[in-house]
C-alpha atoms as a PDB file:
ATOM      1  CA  MET A   1       7.096  22.371   2.508  1.00  0.00           C
ATOM      2  CA  ARG A   2       6.919  25.832   1.016  1.00  0.00           C
ATOM      3  CA  GLY A   3       4.425  26.349  -1.799  1.00  0.00           C
ATOM      4  CA  SER A   4       2.652  23.043  -1.392  1.00  0.00           C
ATOM      5  CA  ARG A   5      -0.720  24.667  -0.714  1.00  0.00           C
ATOM      6  CA  THR A   6      -0.926  26.799  -3.841  1.00  0.00           C
ATOM      7  CA  PRO A   7      -1.167  25.550  -7.414  1.00  0.00           C
ATOM      8  CA  ALA A   8       1.646  26.206  -9.833  1.00  0.00           C
ATOM      9  CA  LEU A   9       0.995  29.149 -12.116  1.00  0.00           C
ATOM     10  CA  ARG A  10       1.051  28.206 -15.762  1.00  0.00           C
ATOM     11  CA  PRO A  11       0.727  30.731 -18.540  1.00  0.00           C
ATOM     12  CA  LEU A  12      -2.251  30.114 -20.791  1.00  0.00           C
ATOM     13  CA  THR A  13      -1.390  30.278 -24.462  1.00  0.00           C
ATOM     14  CA  ASN A  14      -3.807  30.630 -27.346  1.00  0.00           C
ATOM     15  CA  ASP A  15      -3.743  28.727 -30.625  1.00  0.00           C
ATOM     16  CA  LEU A  16      -1.716  31.405 -32.394  1.00  0.00           C
ATOM     17  CA  GLN A  17       1.004  31.239 -29.732  1.00  0.00           C
ATOM     18  CA  LYS A  18       1.139  27.442 -29.935  1.00  0.00           C
ATOM     19  CA  LYS A  19       1.374  27.663 -33.719  1.00  0.00           C
ATOM     20  CA  LEU A  20       4.288  30.108 -33.478  1.00  0.00           C
ATOM     21  CA  ARG A  21       6.193  27.867 -31.056  1.00  0.00           C
ATOM     22  CA  ALA A  22       5.939  24.999 -33.524  1.00  0.00           C
ATOM     23  CA  GLN A  23       7.518  27.031 -36.326  1.00  0.00           C
ATOM     24  CA  SER A  24      11.215  27.065 -37.170  1.00  0.00           C
ATOM     25  CA  ARG A  25      13.584  29.727 -35.911  1.00  0.00           C
ATOM     26  CA  HIS A  26      13.818  31.176 -39.411  1.00  0.00           C
ATOM     27  CA  ARG A  27      10.043  31.613 -39.675  1.00  0.00           C
ATOM     28  CA  ARG A  28       9.869  33.132 -36.162  1.00  0.00           C
ATOM     29  CA  GLY A  29      12.588  35.571 -37.227  1.00  0.00           C
ATOM     30  CA  LYS A  30      10.490  36.613 -40.218  1.00  0.00           C
ATOM     31  CA  VAL A  31       7.521  37.216 -37.917  1.00  0.00           C
ATOM     32  CA  ALA A  32       9.751  39.287 -35.624  1.00  0.00           C
ATOM     33  CA  HIS A  33      10.955  41.341 -38.579  1.00  0.00           C
ATOM     34  CA  ALA A  34       7.383  41.923 -39.755  1.00  0.00           C
ATOM     35  CA  ALA A  35       6.359  43.006 -36.236  1.00  0.00           C
ATOM     36  CA  HIS A  36       9.426  45.311 -35.952  1.00  0.00           C
ATOM     37  CA  THR A  37      10.748  43.571 -32.853  1.00  0.00           C
ATOM     38  CA  THR A  38      13.340  40.981 -31.845  1.00  0.00           C
ATOM     39  CA  LEU A  39      13.205  37.207 -31.923  1.00  0.00           C
ATOM     40  CA  VAL A  40      13.547  37.186 -28.132  1.00  0.00           C
ATOM     41  CA  LYS A  41      10.344  39.204 -27.688  1.00  0.00           C
ATOM     42  CA  VAL A  42       8.484  36.985 -30.162  1.00  0.00           C
ATOM     43  CA  ASP A  43       9.598  33.866 -28.273  1.00  0.00           C
ATOM     44  CA  GLN A  44       8.546  35.432 -24.968  1.00  0.00           C
ATOM     45  CA  TRP A  45       5.108  36.158 -26.378  1.00  0.00           C
ATOM     46  CA  ALA A  46       4.821  32.631 -27.772  1.00  0.00           C
ATOM     47  CA  ARG A  47       5.440  30.997 -24.408  1.00  0.00           C
ATOM     48  CA  GLY A  48       2.956  33.259 -22.634  1.00  0.00           C
ATOM     49  CA  ASP A  49       5.316  35.661 -20.883  1.00  0.00           C
ATOM     50  CA  GLY A  50       4.267  39.239 -20.394  1.00  0.00           C
ATOM     51  CA  VAL A  51       4.930  41.614 -23.282  1.00  0.00           C
ATOM     52  CA  PRO A  52       3.401  45.056 -23.850  1.00  0.00           C
ATOM     53  CA  ALA A  53      -0.060  45.014 -25.404  1.00  0.00           C
ATOM     54  CA  ASP A  54       0.949  46.986 -28.503  1.00  0.00           C
ATOM     55  CA  LEU A  55       3.787  44.533 -29.166  1.00  0.00           C
ATOM     56  CA  ALA A  56       1.489  41.538 -28.689  1.00  0.00           C
ATOM     57  CA  GLY A  57      -0.948  43.046 -31.177  1.00  0.00           C
ATOM     58  CA  ALA A  58       1.828  43.608 -33.709  1.00  0.00           C
ATOM     59  CA  ILE A  59       3.016  40.006 -33.370  1.00  0.00           C
ATOM     60  CA  GLU A  60      -0.529  38.695 -33.787  1.00  0.00           C
ATOM     61  CA  ARG A  61      -1.034  40.798 -36.915  1.00  0.00           C
ATOM     62  CA  ALA A  62       2.276  39.563 -38.327  1.00  0.00           C
ATOM     63  CA  MET A  63       1.313  35.955 -37.604  1.00  0.00           C
ATOM     64  CA  LEU A  64      -2.100  36.351 -39.216  1.00  0.00           C
ATOM     65  CA  SER A  65      -0.694  38.049 -42.295  1.00  0.00           C
ATOM     66  CA  SER A  66       1.989  35.382 -42.735  1.00  0.00           C
ATOM     67  CA  SER A  67      -0.527  32.558 -42.412  1.00  0.00           C
ATOM     68  CA  GLU A  68      -2.839  34.385 -44.807  1.00  0.00           C
ATOM     69  CA  ARG A  69      -0.102  34.632 -47.452  1.00  0.00           C
ATOM     70  CA  LYS A  70       0.785  30.978 -46.947  1.00  0.00           C
ATOM     71  CA  SER A  71      -2.813  29.839 -47.437  1.00  0.00           C
ATOM     72  CA  LYS A  72      -3.184  31.948 -50.608  1.00  0.00           C
ATOM     73  CA  LYS A  73      -0.012  30.368 -51.991  1.00  0.00           C
ATOM     74  CA  LYS A  74      -1.343  26.853 -51.442  1.00  0.00           C
ATOM     75  CA  THR A  75      -4.678  27.534 -53.153  1.00  0.00           C
ATOM     76  CA  ALA A  76      -3.189  29.327 -56.140  1.00  0.00           C
END
């Protein structure tokens, strides 16, 4: 049986990626717009696929800024 001796490779995702996957398509689209990229690239990043480092950084910054605005709204 081919491949039975090696473990399956699973992408490791961080908390920010898991949080993005749980959000609605509309919210992911807003993150994509803030990061100046497409929804496809944002979804690829969220599931742990390879994206360029500068794009990953932009998505992370967009996620952090959107969660920051959301938390300020709740406290105000």
